All heavy atoms as atom14 arrays in JSON, in Angstrom:
{
  "sequence": "GARTIVSNKKFEGFKKKVLYLRSKNVRKLLAETAYKVFN",
  "atom14_mask": [
    [1, 1, 1, 1, 0, 0, 0, 0, 0, 0, 0, 0, 0, 0],
    [1, 1, 1, 1, 1, 0, 0, 0, 0, 0, 0, 0, 0, 0],
    [1, 1, 1, 1, 1, 1, 1, 1, 1, 1, 1, 0, 0, 0],
    [1, 1, 1, 1, 1, 1, 1, 0, 0, 0, 0, 0, 0, 0],
    [1, 1, 1, 1, 1, 1, 1, 1, 0, 0, 0, 0, 0, 0],
    [1, 1, 1, 1, 1, 1, 1, 0, 0, 0, 0, 0, 0, 0],
    [1, 1, 1, 1, 1, 1, 0, 0, 0, 0, 0, 0, 0, 0],
    [1, 1, 1, 1, 1, 1, 1, 1, 0, 0, 0, 0, 0, 0],
    [1, 1, 1, 1, 1, 1, 1, 1, 1, 0, 0, 0, 0, 0],
    [1, 1, 1, 1, 1, 1, 1, 1, 1, 0, 0, 0, 0, 0],
    [1, 1, 1, 1, 1, 1, 1, 1, 1, 1, 1, 0, 0, 0],
    [1, 1, 1, 1, 1, 1, 1, 1, 1, 0, 0, 0, 0, 0],
    [1, 1, 1, 1, 0, 0, 0, 0, 0, 0, 0, 0, 0, 0],
    [1, 1, 1, 1, 1, 1, 1, 1, 1, 1, 1, 0, 0, 0],
    [1, 1, 1, 1, 1, 1, 1, 1, 1, 0, 0, 0, 0, 0],
    [1, 1, 1, 1, 1, 1, 1, 1, 1, 0, 0, 0, 0, 0],
    [1, 1, 1, 1, 1, 1, 1, 1, 1, 0, 0, 0, 0, 0],
    [1, 1, 1, 1, 1, 1, 1, 0, 0, 0, 0, 0, 0, 0],
    [1, 1, 1, 1, 1, 1, 1, 1, 0, 0, 0, 0, 0, 0],
    [1, 1, 1, 1, 1, 1, 1, 1, 1, 1, 1, 1, 0, 0],
    [1, 1, 1, 1, 1, 1, 1, 1, 0, 0, 0, 0, 0, 0],
    [1, 1, 1, 1, 1, 1, 1, 1, 1, 1, 1, 0, 0, 0],
    [1, 1, 1, 1, 1, 1, 0, 0, 0, 0, 0, 0, 0, 0],
    [1, 1, 1, 1, 1, 1, 1, 1, 1, 0, 0, 0, 0, 0],
    [1, 1, 1, 1, 1, 1, 1, 1, 0, 0, 0, 0, 0, 0],
    [1, 1, 1, 1, 1, 1, 1, 0, 0, 0, 0, 0, 0, 0],
    [1, 1, 1, 1, 1, 1, 1, 1, 1, 1, 1, 0, 0, 0],
    [1, 1, 1, 1, 1, 1, 1, 1, 1, 0, 0, 0, 0, 0],
    [1, 1, 1, 1, 1, 1, 1, 1, 0, 0, 0, 0, 0, 0],
    [1, 1, 1, 1, 1, 1, 1, 1, 0, 0, 0, 0, 0, 0],
    [1, 1, 1, 1, 1, 0, 0, 0, 0, 0, 0, 0, 0, 0],
    [1, 1, 1, 1, 1, 1, 1, 1, 1, 0, 0, 0, 0, 0],
    [1, 1, 1, 1, 1, 1, 1, 0, 0, 0, 0, 0, 0, 0],
    [1, 1, 1, 1, 1, 0, 0, 0, 0, 0, 0, 0, 0, 0],
    [1, 1, 1, 1, 1, 1, 1, 1, 1, 1, 1, 1, 0, 0],
    [1, 1, 1, 1, 1, 1, 1, 1, 1, 0, 0, 0, 0, 0],
    [1, 1, 1, 1, 1, 1, 1, 0, 0, 0, 0, 0, 0, 0],
    [1, 1, 1, 1, 1, 1, 1, 1, 1, 1, 1, 0, 0, 0],
    [1, 1, 1, 1, 1, 1, 1, 1, 0, 0, 0, 0, 0, 0]
  ],
  "atom14_positions": [
    [[0.8, -1.24, 0.02], [0.02, 0.04, 0.04], [0.83, 1.26, -0.01], [0.2, 2.39, -0.09], [0.0, 0.0, 0.0], [0.0, 0.0, 0.0], [0.0, 0.0, 0.0], [0.0, 0.0, 0.0], [0.0, 0.0, 0.0], [0.0, 0.0, 0.0], [0.0, 0.0, 0.0], [0.0, 0.0, 0.0], [0.0, 0.0, 0.0], [0.0, 0.0, 0.0]],
    [[2.11, 1.16, 0.06], [2.9, 2.45, 0.07], [2.69, 3.17, -1.2], [2.72, 2.57, -2.27], [4.44, 2.11, 0.21], [0.0, 0.0, 0.0], [0.0, 0.0, 0.0], [0.0, 0.0, 0.0], [0.0, 0.0, 0.0], [0.0, 0.0, 0.0], [0.0, 0.0, 0.0], [0.0, 0.0, 0.0], [0.0, 0.0, 0.0], [0.0, 0.0, 0.0]],
    [[2.59, 4.52, -1.12], [2.48, 5.36, -2.26], [3.54, 6.42, -2.31], [3.46, 7.28, -3.22], [1.03, 5.99, -2.33], [-0.11, 4.97, -2.58], [0.04, 4.43, -4.03], [-0.87, 3.26, -4.29], [-0.56, 2.0, -4.11], [0.59, 1.69, -3.61], [-1.47, 1.07, -4.37], [0.0, 0.0, 0.0], [0.0, 0.0, 0.0], [0.0, 0.0, 0.0]],
    [[4.53, 6.34, -1.46], [5.71, 7.2, -1.59], [6.85, 6.41, -1.25], [6.88, 5.55, -0.15], [5.62, 8.4, -0.55], [4.35, 9.03, -0.75], [6.73, 9.36, -0.79], [0.0, 0.0, 0.0], [0.0, 0.0, 0.0], [0.0, 0.0, 0.0], [0.0, 0.0, 0.0], [0.0, 0.0, 0.0], [0.0, 0.0, 0.0], [0.0, 0.0, 0.0]],
    [[7.93, 6.48, -2.02], [9.2, 5.72, -1.74], [10.26, 6.79, -1.64], [10.56, 7.56, -2.59], [9.41, 4.76, -2.9], [8.33, 3.78, -3.21], [10.78, 3.97, -2.63], [7.88, 2.85, -1.99], [0.0, 0.0, 0.0], [0.0, 0.0, 0.0], [0.0, 0.0, 0.0], [0.0, 0.0, 0.0], [0.0, 0.0, 0.0], [0.0, 0.0, 0.0]],
    [[11.03, 6.7, -0.52], [12.19, 7.54, -0.39], [13.4, 6.64, -0.44], [13.45, 5.74, 0.43], [12.17, 8.32, 0.99], [13.44, 9.18, 1.07], [10.91, 9.23, 1.04], [0.0, 0.0, 0.0], [0.0, 0.0, 0.0], [0.0, 0.0, 0.0], [0.0, 0.0, 0.0], [0.0, 0.0, 0.0], [0.0, 0.0, 0.0], [0.0, 0.0, 0.0]],
    [[14.31, 6.82, -1.36], [15.46, 5.94, -1.51], [16.64, 6.81, -2.01], [16.56, 7.99, -2.3], [15.13, 4.83, -2.39], [15.17, 5.27, -3.89], [0.0, 0.0, 0.0], [0.0, 0.0, 0.0], [0.0, 0.0, 0.0], [0.0, 0.0, 0.0], [0.0, 0.0, 0.0], [0.0, 0.0, 0.0], [0.0, 0.0, 0.0], [0.0, 0.0, 0.0]],
    [[17.84, 6.15, -2.19], [18.97, 6.73, -2.75], [19.03, 6.59, -4.35], [20.05, 6.97, -4.91], [20.23, 6.16, -2.19], [20.43, 4.68, -2.46], [19.62, 4.05, -3.05], [21.44, 4.07, -1.91], [0.0, 0.0, 0.0], [0.0, 0.0, 0.0], [0.0, 0.0, 0.0], [0.0, 0.0, 0.0], [0.0, 0.0, 0.0], [0.0, 0.0, 0.0]],
    [[17.98, 6.08, -4.89], [17.99, 5.95, -6.4], [17.79, 7.29, -7.09], [17.17, 8.3, -6.43], [16.74, 5.02, -6.73], [16.86, 3.59, -6.4], [15.77, 2.74, -6.98], [16.1, 1.29, -6.79], [15.02, 0.39, -7.5], [0.0, 0.0, 0.0], [0.0, 0.0, 0.0], [0.0, 0.0, 0.0], [0.0, 0.0, 0.0], [0.0, 0.0, 0.0]],
    [[18.28, 7.38, -8.22], [18.34, 8.71, -8.95], [16.93, 9.24, -9.27], [16.75, 10.48, -9.35], [19.23, 8.63, -10.14], [20.72, 8.52, -9.8], [21.62, 8.55, -11.04], [23.12, 8.41, -10.73], [23.92, 8.28, -11.84], [0.0, 0.0, 0.0], [0.0, 0.0, 0.0], [0.0, 0.0, 0.0], [0.0, 0.0, 0.0], [0.0, 0.0, 0.0]],
    [[16.07, 8.39, -9.67], [14.8, 8.82, -10.29], [13.93, 9.51, -9.22], [13.78, 9.07, -8.07], [14.02, 7.6, -10.82], [12.65, 7.95, -11.28], [12.4, 8.61, -12.42], [11.48, 7.6, -10.48], [11.16, 9.02, -12.91], [10.22, 7.96, -10.94], [10.03, 8.58, -12.24], [0.0, 0.0, 0.0], [0.0, 0.0, 0.0], [0.0, 0.0, 0.0]],
    [[13.25, 10.67, -9.59], [12.3, 11.36, -8.81], [11.08, 11.64, -9.61], [11.16, 12.0, -10.82], [12.86, 12.69, -8.27], [13.66, 12.57, -7.03], [13.62, 13.91, -6.16], [13.45, 14.93, -6.69], [13.84, 13.74, -5.01], [0.0, 0.0, 0.0], [0.0, 0.0, 0.0], [0.0, 0.0, 0.0], [0.0, 0.0, 0.0], [0.0, 0.0, 0.0]],
    [[9.93, 11.39, -9.07], [8.71, 11.53, -9.89], [7.78, 10.49, -9.67], [7.98, 9.65, -8.81], [0.0, 0.0, 0.0], [0.0, 0.0, 0.0], [0.0, 0.0, 0.0], [0.0, 0.0, 0.0], [0.0, 0.0, 0.0], [0.0, 0.0, 0.0], [0.0, 0.0, 0.0], [0.0, 0.0, 0.0], [0.0, 0.0, 0.0], [0.0, 0.0, 0.0]],
    [[6.64, 10.48, -10.48], [5.56, 9.45, -10.31], [5.8, 8.32, -11.3], [6.18, 8.5, -12.44], [4.23, 10.04, -10.57], [3.71, 10.91, -9.48], [3.88, 12.28, -9.43], [3.05, 10.31, -8.38], [3.46, 12.98, -8.38], [2.66, 11.09, -7.32], [2.81, 12.43, -7.34], [0.0, 0.0, 0.0], [0.0, 0.0, 0.0], [0.0, 0.0, 0.0]],
    [[5.6, 7.1, -10.74], [5.49, 5.9, -11.61], [4.31, 5.06, -11.07], [4.22, 4.71, -9.94], [6.67, 5.0, -11.47], [7.82, 5.29, -12.41], [8.92, 4.28, -12.17], [10.26, 4.58, -12.88], [11.27, 3.71, -12.59], [0.0, 0.0, 0.0], [0.0, 0.0, 0.0], [0.0, 0.0, 0.0], [0.0, 0.0, 0.0], [0.0, 0.0, 0.0]],
    [[3.23, 4.93, -11.94], [2.02, 4.17, -11.53], [1.44, 4.64, -10.22], [1.22, 3.89, -9.38], [2.36, 2.67, -11.51], [2.78, 2.14, -12.84], [3.06, 0.6, -12.65], [3.52, 0.06, -14.0], [3.9, -1.42, -13.86], [0.0, 0.0, 0.0], [0.0, 0.0, 0.0], [0.0, 0.0, 0.0], [0.0, 0.0, 0.0], [0.0, 0.0, 0.0]],
    [[1.28, 6.0, -10.17], [0.68, 6.71, -8.94], [1.52, 6.67, -7.67], [1.1, 6.99, -6.65], [-0.7, 6.12, -8.71], [-1.69, 6.46, -9.87], [-3.1, 5.97, -9.57], [-4.08, 6.19, -10.72], [-5.43, 5.74, -10.35], [0.0, 0.0, 0.0], [0.0, 0.0, 0.0], [0.0, 0.0, 0.0], [0.0, 0.0, 0.0], [0.0, 0.0, 0.0]],
    [[2.72, 6.07, -7.82], [3.66, 6.05, -6.67], [4.72, 7.14, -6.88], [5.38, 7.24, -7.89], [4.38, 4.71, -6.54], [5.36, 4.68, -5.44], [3.28, 3.58, -6.31], [0.0, 0.0, 0.0], [0.0, 0.0, 0.0], [0.0, 0.0, 0.0], [0.0, 0.0, 0.0], [0.0, 0.0, 0.0], [0.0, 0.0, 0.0], [0.0, 0.0, 0.0]],
    [[4.87, 7.99, -5.79], [5.85, 9.03, -5.83], [7.25, 8.59, -5.34], [7.28, 8.01, -4.22], [5.35, 10.26, -4.97], [6.38, 11.41, -4.88], [6.76, 12.01, -6.16], [5.81, 12.43, -3.82], [0.0, 0.0, 0.0], [0.0, 0.0, 0.0], [0.0, 0.0, 0.0], [0.0, 0.0, 0.0], [0.0, 0.0, 0.0], [0.0, 0.0, 0.0]],
    [[8.24, 8.73, -6.16], [9.62, 8.36, -5.79], [10.39, 9.65, -5.45], [10.41, 10.61, -6.27], [10.3, 7.57, -6.9], [9.73, 6.21, -7.21], [8.55, 6.1, -7.83], [10.41, 5.04, -6.68], [8.07, 4.77, -8.13], [9.89, 3.88, -6.91], [8.79, 3.58, -7.56], [8.2, 2.46, -7.82], [0.0, 0.0, 0.0], [0.0, 0.0, 0.0]],
    [[11.0, 9.71, -4.29], [11.77, 10.84, -3.89], [13.27, 10.33, -3.63], [13.36, 9.24, -3.0], [11.26, 11.53, -2.67], [9.83, 12.16, -2.77], [9.35, 12.65, -1.42], [9.96, 13.29, -3.84], [0.0, 0.0, 0.0], [0.0, 0.0, 0.0], [0.0, 0.0, 0.0], [0.0, 0.0, 0.0], [0.0, 0.0, 0.0], [0.0, 0.0, 0.0]],
    [[14.2, 11.16, -3.9], [15.63, 10.73, -3.72], [16.19, 11.51, -2.47], [15.89, 12.7, -2.27], [16.46, 11.17, -4.92], [17.89, 10.68, -4.86], [18.76, 11.1, -6.1], [20.02, 10.56, -5.96], [21.11, 11.14, -6.48], [21.0, 12.33, -7.13], [22.22, 10.59, -6.38], [0.0, 0.0, 0.0], [0.0, 0.0, 0.0], [0.0, 0.0, 0.0]],
    [[17.0, 10.75, -1.77], [17.71, 11.38, -0.69], [19.05, 10.75, -0.52], [19.18, 9.51, -0.62], [16.95, 11.09, 0.66], [17.73, 11.53, 1.81], [0.0, 0.0, 0.0], [0.0, 0.0, 0.0], [0.0, 0.0, 0.0], [0.0, 0.0, 0.0], [0.0, 0.0, 0.0], [0.0, 0.0, 0.0], [0.0, 0.0, 0.0], [0.0, 0.0, 0.0]],
    [[20.05, 11.63, -0.3], [21.39, 11.12, -0.03], [21.59, 10.4, 1.24], [22.52, 9.58, 1.49], [22.46, 12.23, -0.24], [22.61, 12.79, -1.61], [23.61, 13.91, -1.61], [23.79, 14.46, -3.05], [24.77, 15.67, -3.06], [0.0, 0.0, 0.0], [0.0, 0.0, 0.0], [0.0, 0.0, 0.0], [0.0, 0.0, 0.0], [0.0, 0.0, 0.0]],
    [[20.75, 10.8, 2.27], [20.81, 10.23, 3.6], [19.4, 9.95, 4.01], [18.65, 10.69, 4.62], [21.5, 11.19, 4.59], [21.79, 10.51, 5.87], [21.13, 9.55, 6.29], [22.78, 10.96, 6.66], [0.0, 0.0, 0.0], [0.0, 0.0, 0.0], [0.0, 0.0, 0.0], [0.0, 0.0, 0.0], [0.0, 0.0, 0.0], [0.0, 0.0, 0.0]],
    [[18.98, 8.71, 3.66], [17.55, 8.34, 3.94], [17.35, 8.2, 5.47], [16.24, 8.62, 5.92], [17.2, 7.01, 3.25], [15.78, 6.52, 3.47], [17.41, 7.08, 1.72], [0.0, 0.0, 0.0], [0.0, 0.0, 0.0], [0.0, 0.0, 0.0], [0.0, 0.0, 0.0], [0.0, 0.0, 0.0], [0.0, 0.0, 0.0], [0.0, 0.0, 0.0]],
    [[18.24, 7.71, 6.23], [18.02, 7.54, 7.61], [17.84, 8.96, 8.31], [16.94, 9.15, 9.16], [19.35, 6.98, 8.26], [19.56, 5.53, 8.03], [20.77, 5.1, 8.79], [21.22, 3.68, 8.45], [20.66, 2.62, 9.04], [19.65, 2.74, 9.91], [21.19, 1.35, 8.8], [0.0, 0.0, 0.0], [0.0, 0.0, 0.0], [0.0, 0.0, 0.0]],
    [[18.62, 9.92, 7.89], [18.51, 11.28, 8.47], [17.11, 11.89, 8.1], [16.49, 12.46, 9.02], [19.62, 12.18, 7.89], [19.78, 13.53, 8.65], [21.08, 14.19, 8.15], [21.52, 15.37, 9.01], [20.5, 16.45, 9.03], [0.0, 0.0, 0.0], [0.0, 0.0, 0.0], [0.0, 0.0, 0.0], [0.0, 0.0, 0.0], [0.0, 0.0, 0.0]],
    [[16.66, 11.71, 6.84], [15.35, 12.3, 6.45], [14.24, 11.58, 7.21], [13.21, 12.25, 7.61], [15.24, 12.14, 4.89], [14.05, 12.75, 4.34], [13.83, 14.23, 4.67], [13.95, 12.49, 2.87], [0.0, 0.0, 0.0], [0.0, 0.0, 0.0], [0.0, 0.0, 0.0], [0.0, 0.0, 0.0], [0.0, 0.0, 0.0], [0.0, 0.0, 0.0]],
    [[14.43, 10.27, 7.39], [13.38, 9.56, 8.18], [13.21, 10.12, 9.59], [12.21, 10.41, 10.06], [13.77, 8.08, 8.3], [12.95, 7.2, 9.28], [11.59, 7.11, 8.86], [13.47, 5.74, 9.39], [0.0, 0.0, 0.0], [0.0, 0.0, 0.0], [0.0, 0.0, 0.0], [0.0, 0.0, 0.0], [0.0, 0.0, 0.0], [0.0, 0.0, 0.0]],
    [[14.39, 10.4, 10.3], [14.36, 10.87, 11.63], [13.74, 12.26, 11.69], [12.88, 12.53, 12.46], [15.77, 10.89, 12.23], [0.0, 0.0, 0.0], [0.0, 0.0, 0.0], [0.0, 0.0, 0.0], [0.0, 0.0, 0.0], [0.0, 0.0, 0.0], [0.0, 0.0, 0.0], [0.0, 0.0, 0.0], [0.0, 0.0, 0.0], [0.0, 0.0, 0.0]],
    [[14.16, 13.12, 10.72], [13.68, 14.47, 10.74], [12.21, 14.59, 10.43], [11.53, 15.33, 11.01], [14.49, 15.32, 9.67], [15.93, 15.63, 10.11], [16.73, 16.17, 8.99], [16.32, 16.05, 7.78], [17.87, 16.69, 9.31], [0.0, 0.0, 0.0], [0.0, 0.0, 0.0], [0.0, 0.0, 0.0], [0.0, 0.0, 0.0], [0.0, 0.0, 0.0]],
    [[11.66, 13.75, 9.54], [10.3, 13.59, 9.22], [9.48, 13.08, 10.44], [8.42, 13.61, 10.76], [10.12, 12.75, 7.98], [10.92, 13.19, 6.89], [8.63, 12.87, 7.54], [0.0, 0.0, 0.0], [0.0, 0.0, 0.0], [0.0, 0.0, 0.0], [0.0, 0.0, 0.0], [0.0, 0.0, 0.0], [0.0, 0.0, 0.0], [0.0, 0.0, 0.0]],
    [[10.0, 12.05, 11.06], [9.3, 11.47, 12.22], [9.07, 12.48, 13.37], [7.92, 12.54, 13.92], [10.08, 10.19, 12.73], [0.0, 0.0, 0.0], [0.0, 0.0, 0.0], [0.0, 0.0, 0.0], [0.0, 0.0, 0.0], [0.0, 0.0, 0.0], [0.0, 0.0, 0.0], [0.0, 0.0, 0.0], [0.0, 0.0, 0.0], [0.0, 0.0, 0.0]],
    [[10.13, 13.26, 13.63], [9.92, 14.2, 14.65], [9.09, 15.4, 14.32], [8.68, 16.16, 15.2], [11.34, 14.67, 15.22], [12.18, 13.48, 15.8], [13.46, 13.16, 15.29], [11.73, 12.71, 16.88], [14.17, 12.08, 15.77], [12.38, 11.67, 17.32], [13.67, 11.34, 16.78], [14.34, 10.28, 17.31], [0.0, 0.0, 0.0], [0.0, 0.0, 0.0]],
    [[8.92, 15.55, 12.98], [7.93, 16.61, 12.6], [6.42, 16.08, 12.7], [5.57, 16.72, 13.02], [8.17, 17.02, 11.11], [9.46, 17.93, 11.06], [9.73, 18.32, 9.51], [11.01, 19.02, 9.38], [11.34, 19.23, 7.89], [0.0, 0.0, 0.0], [0.0, 0.0, 0.0], [0.0, 0.0, 0.0], [0.0, 0.0, 0.0], [0.0, 0.0, 0.0]],
    [[6.34, 14.78, 12.22], [4.93, 14.15, 12.17], [4.48, 14.11, 13.68], [3.37, 14.48, 13.97], [5.02, 12.89, 11.58], [3.61, 12.14, 11.78], [5.23, 13.05, 10.04], [0.0, 0.0, 0.0], [0.0, 0.0, 0.0], [0.0, 0.0, 0.0], [0.0, 0.0, 0.0], [0.0, 0.0, 0.0], [0.0, 0.0, 0.0], [0.0, 0.0, 0.0]],
    [[5.28, 13.5, 14.51], [4.94, 13.42, 15.98], [5.73, 14.58, 16.65], [6.74, 14.39, 17.24], [5.39, 12.1, 16.57], [4.81, 10.91, 15.77], [5.49, 10.18, 14.81], [3.53, 10.49, 16.13], [4.88, 9.16, 14.19], [2.88, 9.44, 15.53], [3.56, 8.76, 14.49], [0.0, 0.0, 0.0], [0.0, 0.0, 0.0], [0.0, 0.0, 0.0]],
    [[5.09, 15.73, 16.57], [5.78, 16.99, 16.87], [5.65, 17.46, 18.32], [6.24, 18.38, 18.73], [5.43, 18.14, 15.9], [3.87, 18.4, 16.07], [3.14, 17.71, 16.75], [3.41, 19.46, 15.33], [0.0, 0.0, 0.0], [0.0, 0.0, 0.0], [0.0, 0.0, 0.0], [0.0, 0.0, 0.0], [0.0, 0.0, 0.0], [0.0, 0.0, 0.0]]
  ]
}
């Protein structure tokens, strides 16, 4: 059911209604996002 993928892959954009986002440091982005969501 995931509709957003954050990875170190180069591609950014939509494929089959799934949004792909690129990050050089996925762990760091996960933490920063988690502390914003549960703020």
